[in-house]
Amino acid sequence: MPPKKKTKKTTKKNPEKSENDLEAKYKRSILDIAILQDHIALQCESIIKVQSDRSDLRRRMRDMEQKLQHERQDHRDINSDLSRQYKTMQTELTKKVKRLEEEVSQLKGELALCQEELSKEKLEREQMEHDKDATISNLQHKLENMETDYVKVLHETLDSLTSQLSVAREGWEDKSTALHQTYKELLSEFGLNALDI
């Protein structure tokens, strides 16, 4: 049901008063228009500033998006490069570990051979020392026997030499006495005294 319409009561106004009202309304309207124009001008400036800021923000956003894209690409490139380096290093380390394990195995084999040779050398050295000690002992025994034999031979030789010297001395003494006597006689024949000479 439609609302009821109110009926307005019209009052008769004073025409002079009505003119003043119109003039006041007109002035008020001009003032309102000026205020509205100022308000619109402020709004336009604000809109222009907002549009400029929005344009700057869009430009900055595009720059930031491009920068972000570049950073993402750089991140992907770095990640890819690091993955490649990691795989390369892992491969190299695996090869190095394998090579070192082979080297350790080879060195263990060489060490076992060296230890075996060392024990052989020790046994040979001990055998040589034993043989050397036996040879030295044998030679010392022979030396002692030779020394005893030489002492015996030397005593026999000295005894023989002493007896030969005694025999020779006796012979010389006899010969010297005979020679002495002969020369004494010869000197006396010449008239010389042997004691004077």
Protein backbone atom coordinates (compact mmCIF):
# COMPACT_ATOMS: atom_id res chain seq x y z
CA MET A 1 0.00 0.00 0.00
CA PRO A 2 1.41 3.33 -1.02
CA PRO A 3 2.36 5.81 1.68
CA LYS A 4 0.09 8.63 2.38
CA LYS A 5 1.00 12.00 1.00
CA LYS A 6 1.14 14.87 3.31
CA THR A 7 -0.44 17.99 2.24
CA LYS A 8 1.56 21.17 2.72
CA LYS A 9 0.10 24.24 4.02
CA THR A 10 1.26 27.23 2.09
CA THR A 11 1.85 30.34 3.94
CA LYS A 12 1.95 33.59 2.28
CA LYS A 13 5.23 35.35 2.70
CA ASN A 14 6.20 38.83 2.51
CA PRO A 15 7.53 39.73 -0.99
CA GLU A 16 10.34 41.88 0.37
CA LYS A 17 11.33 39.21 2.73
CA SER A 18 11.18 36.78 -0.06
CA GLU A 19 13.55 38.87 -2.19
CA ASN A 20 16.07 39.06 0.63
CA ASP A 21 15.77 35.36 1.04
CA LEU A 22 16.40 34.88 -2.65
CA GLU A 23 19.41 37.12 -2.57
CA ALA A 24 20.78 35.36 0.51
CA LYS A 25 20.15 32.04 -1.14
CA TYR A 26 21.89 33.28 -4.25
CA LYS A 27 24.92 34.43 -2.29
CA ARG A 28 24.91 31.24 -0.37
CA SER A 29 24.72 29.31 -3.66
CA ILE A 30 27.63 31.29 -5.11
CA LEU A 31 29.60 30.58 -1.93
CA ASP A 32 28.62 26.92 -2.07
CA ILE A 33 29.65 26.81 -5.75
CA ALA A 34 33.00 28.46 -4.94
CA ILE A 35 33.54 26.01 -2.09
CA LEU A 36 32.51 23.14 -4.34
CA GLN A 37 34.83 24.38 -7.09
CA ASP A 38 37.69 24.61 -4.56
CA HIS A 39 36.75 21.20 -3.30
CA ILE A 40 36.64 19.87 -6.88
CA ALA A 41 40.00 21.52 -7.64
CA LEU A 42 41.47 19.91 -4.50
CA GLN A 43 39.88 16.63 -5.50
CA CYS A 44 41.33 16.98 -9.03
CA GLU A 45 44.80 17.74 -7.62
CA SER A 46 44.43 14.84 -5.24
CA ILE A 47 43.28 12.57 -8.12
CA ILE A 48 46.19 13.76 -10.30
CA LYS A 49 48.60 13.14 -7.42
CA VAL A 50 47.03 9.73 -6.74
CA GLN A 51 47.21 8.87 -10.46
CA SER A 52 50.85 10.02 -10.55
CA ASP A 53 51.60 8.01 -7.40
CA ARG A 54 49.71 5.06 -8.86
CA SER A 55 51.74 5.37 -12.07
CA ASP A 56 54.96 5.59 -10.01
CA LEU A 57 53.87 2.62 -7.93
CA ARG A 58 53.03 0.62 -11.06
CA ARG A 59 56.41 1.54 -12.56
CA ARG A 60 58.17 0.60 -9.30
CA MET A 61 56.14 -2.58 -9.12
CA ARG A 62 57.17 -3.46 -12.70
CA ASP A 63 60.79 -2.69 -11.80
CA MET A 64 60.51 -4.80 -8.67
CA GLU A 65 58.90 -7.63 -10.67
CA GLN A 66 61.71 -7.45 -13.24
CA LYS A 67 64.26 -7.36 -10.43
CA LEU A 68 62.52 -10.29 -8.78
CA GLN A 69 62.54 -12.15 -12.12
CA HIS A 70 66.26 -11.42 -12.51
CA GLU A 71 66.92 -12.55 -8.95
CA ARG A 72 64.89 -15.71 -9.49
CA GLN A 73 66.84 -16.38 -12.71
CA ASP A 74 70.11 -15.66 -10.89
CA HIS A 75 68.98 -17.95 -8.07
CA ARG A 76 68.16 -20.69 -10.59
CA ASP A 77 71.51 -20.17 -12.33
CA ILE A 78 73.41 -20.21 -9.02
CA ASN A 79 71.45 -23.24 -7.85
CA SER A 80 72.16 -25.01 -11.13
CA ASP A 81 75.86 -24.08 -10.96
CA LEU A 82 76.10 -25.19 -7.32
CA SER A 83 74.39 -28.47 -8.17
CA ARG A 84 76.83 -29.00 -11.04
CA GLN A 85 79.79 -28.13 -8.79
CA TYR A 86 78.45 -30.43 -6.07
CA LYS A 87 78.08 -33.32 -8.52
CA THR A 88 81.56 -32.65 -9.93
CA MET A 89 83.06 -32.52 -6.44
CA GLN A 90 81.17 -35.63 -5.41
CA THR A 91 82.46 -37.46 -8.50
CA GLU A 92 86.01 -36.26 -7.87
CA LEU A 93 85.82 -37.21 -4.19
CA THR A 94 84.45 -40.65 -5.08
CA LYS A 95 87.34 -41.14 -7.53
CA LYS A 96 89.82 -39.86 -4.96
CA VAL A 97 88.43 -42.15 -2.25
CA LYS A 98 88.59 -45.11 -4.62
CA ARG A 99 92.15 -44.22 -5.64
CA LEU A 100 93.19 -43.80 -2.00
CA GLU A 101 91.57 -47.13 -1.09
CA GLU A 102 93.51 -48.81 -3.91
CA GLU A 103 96.68 -47.07 -2.73
CA VAL A 104 96.05 -48.21 0.86
CA SER A 105 95.49 -51.76 -0.36
CA GLN A 106 98.70 -51.63 -2.41
CA LEU A 107 100.63 -50.14 0.53
CA LYS A 108 99.28 -52.84 2.85
CA GLY A 109 100.53 -55.47 0.39
CA GLU A 110 103.93 -53.76 0.20
CA LEU A 111 104.02 -53.50 4.01
CA ALA A 112 103.30 -57.22 4.33
CA LEU A 113 106.10 -57.97 1.84
CA CYS A 114 108.46 -55.62 3.68
CA GLN A 115 107.63 -57.21 7.03
CA GLU A 116 108.22 -60.63 5.54
CA GLU A 117 111.55 -59.51 4.08
CA LEU A 118 112.44 -57.89 7.41
CA SER A 119 111.78 -61.09 9.34
CA LYS A 120 113.87 -63.00 6.74
CA GLU A 121 116.64 -60.42 7.10
CA LYS A 122 116.46 -60.71 10.90
CA LEU A 123 116.73 -64.49 10.68
CA GLU A 124 119.63 -64.21 8.23
CA ARG A 125 121.33 -61.64 10.46
CA GLU A 126 120.87 -63.81 13.53
CA GLN A 127 122.25 -66.77 11.55
CA MET A 128 125.17 -64.66 10.36
CA GLU A 129 125.86 -63.46 13.92
CA HIS A 130 125.68 -67.05 15.14
CA ASP A 131 128.03 -68.15 12.34
CA LYS A 132 130.30 -65.19 13.02
CA ASP A 133 130.39 -65.95 16.76
CA ALA A 134 131.15 -69.61 15.97
CA THR A 135 133.87 -68.56 13.51
CA ILE A 136 135.34 -66.10 16.02
CA SER A 137 135.28 -68.75 18.73
CA ASN A 138 136.87 -71.27 16.36
CA LEU A 139 139.52 -68.74 15.29
CA GLN A 140 140.23 -67.81 18.91
CA HIS A 141 140.67 -71.49 19.71
CA LYS A 142 143.00 -71.90 16.73
CA LEU A 143 144.85 -68.72 17.74
CA GLU A 144 145.31 -70.05 21.25
CA ASN A 145 146.54 -73.37 19.83
CA MET A 146 148.86 -71.53 17.42
CA GLU A 147 150.08 -69.33 20.26
CA THR A 148 150.83 -72.41 22.30
CA ASP A 149 152.55 -74.01 19.31
CA TYR A 150 154.54 -70.84 18.60
CA VAL A 151 155.59 -70.58 22.24
CA LYS A 152 156.66 -74.20 22.10
CA VAL A 153 158.49 -73.71 18.78
CA LEU A 154 160.04 -70.48 20.06
CA HIS A 155 161.30 -72.19 23.25
CA GLU A 156 162.64 -75.08 21.22
CA THR A 157 164.27 -72.70 18.74
CA LEU A 158 165.71 -70.59 21.55
CA ASP A 159 166.98 -73.69 23.33
CA SER A 160 168.47 -74.94 20.06
CA LEU A 161 169.94 -71.50 19.32
CA THR A 162 171.33 -71.27 22.85
CA SER A 163 172.96 -74.66 22.55
CA GLN A 164 174.29 -73.76 19.07
CA LEU A 165 175.57 -70.45 20.40
CA SER A 166 177.24 -72.24 23.27
CA VAL A 167 178.90 -74.63 20.84
CA ALA A 168 179.86 -71.75 18.54
CA ARG A 169 181.17 -69.75 21.48
CA GLU A 170 183.32 -72.54 22.60
CA GLY A 171 184.60 -72.88 19.03
CA TRP A 172 185.29 -69.15 18.79
CA GLU A 173 186.92 -69.05 22.13
CA ASP A 174 189.23 -71.86 21.07
CA LYS A 175 189.90 -70.17 17.74
CA SER A 176 190.32 -66.74 19.33
CA THR A 177 192.70 -68.13 21.91
CA ALA A 178 194.64 -69.83 19.13
CA LEU A 179 194.65 -66.67 17.01
CA HIS A 180 195.55 -64.60 19.98
CA GLN A 181 198.42 -66.87 20.77
CA THR A 182 199.56 -66.79 17.12
CA TYR A 183 199.51 -63.00 16.97
CA LYS A 184 201.27 -62.80 20.32
CA GLU A 185 203.99 -64.97 19.03
CA LEU A 186 204.26 -62.95 15.84
CA LEU A 187 204.51 -59.76 17.80
CA SER A 188 207.11 -61.16 20.06
CA GLU A 189 209.10 -62.29 17.00
CA PHE A 190 209.08 -58.70 15.90
CA GLY A 191 210.10 -57.71 19.37
CA LEU A 192 206.93 -56.11 20.38
CA ASN A 193 205.14 -56.60 23.60
CA ALA A 194 201.42 -57.32 23.13
CA LEU A 195 200.49 -55.47 26.32
CA ASP A 196 202.12 -52.27 25.07
CA ILE A 197 200.01 -52.15 21.99
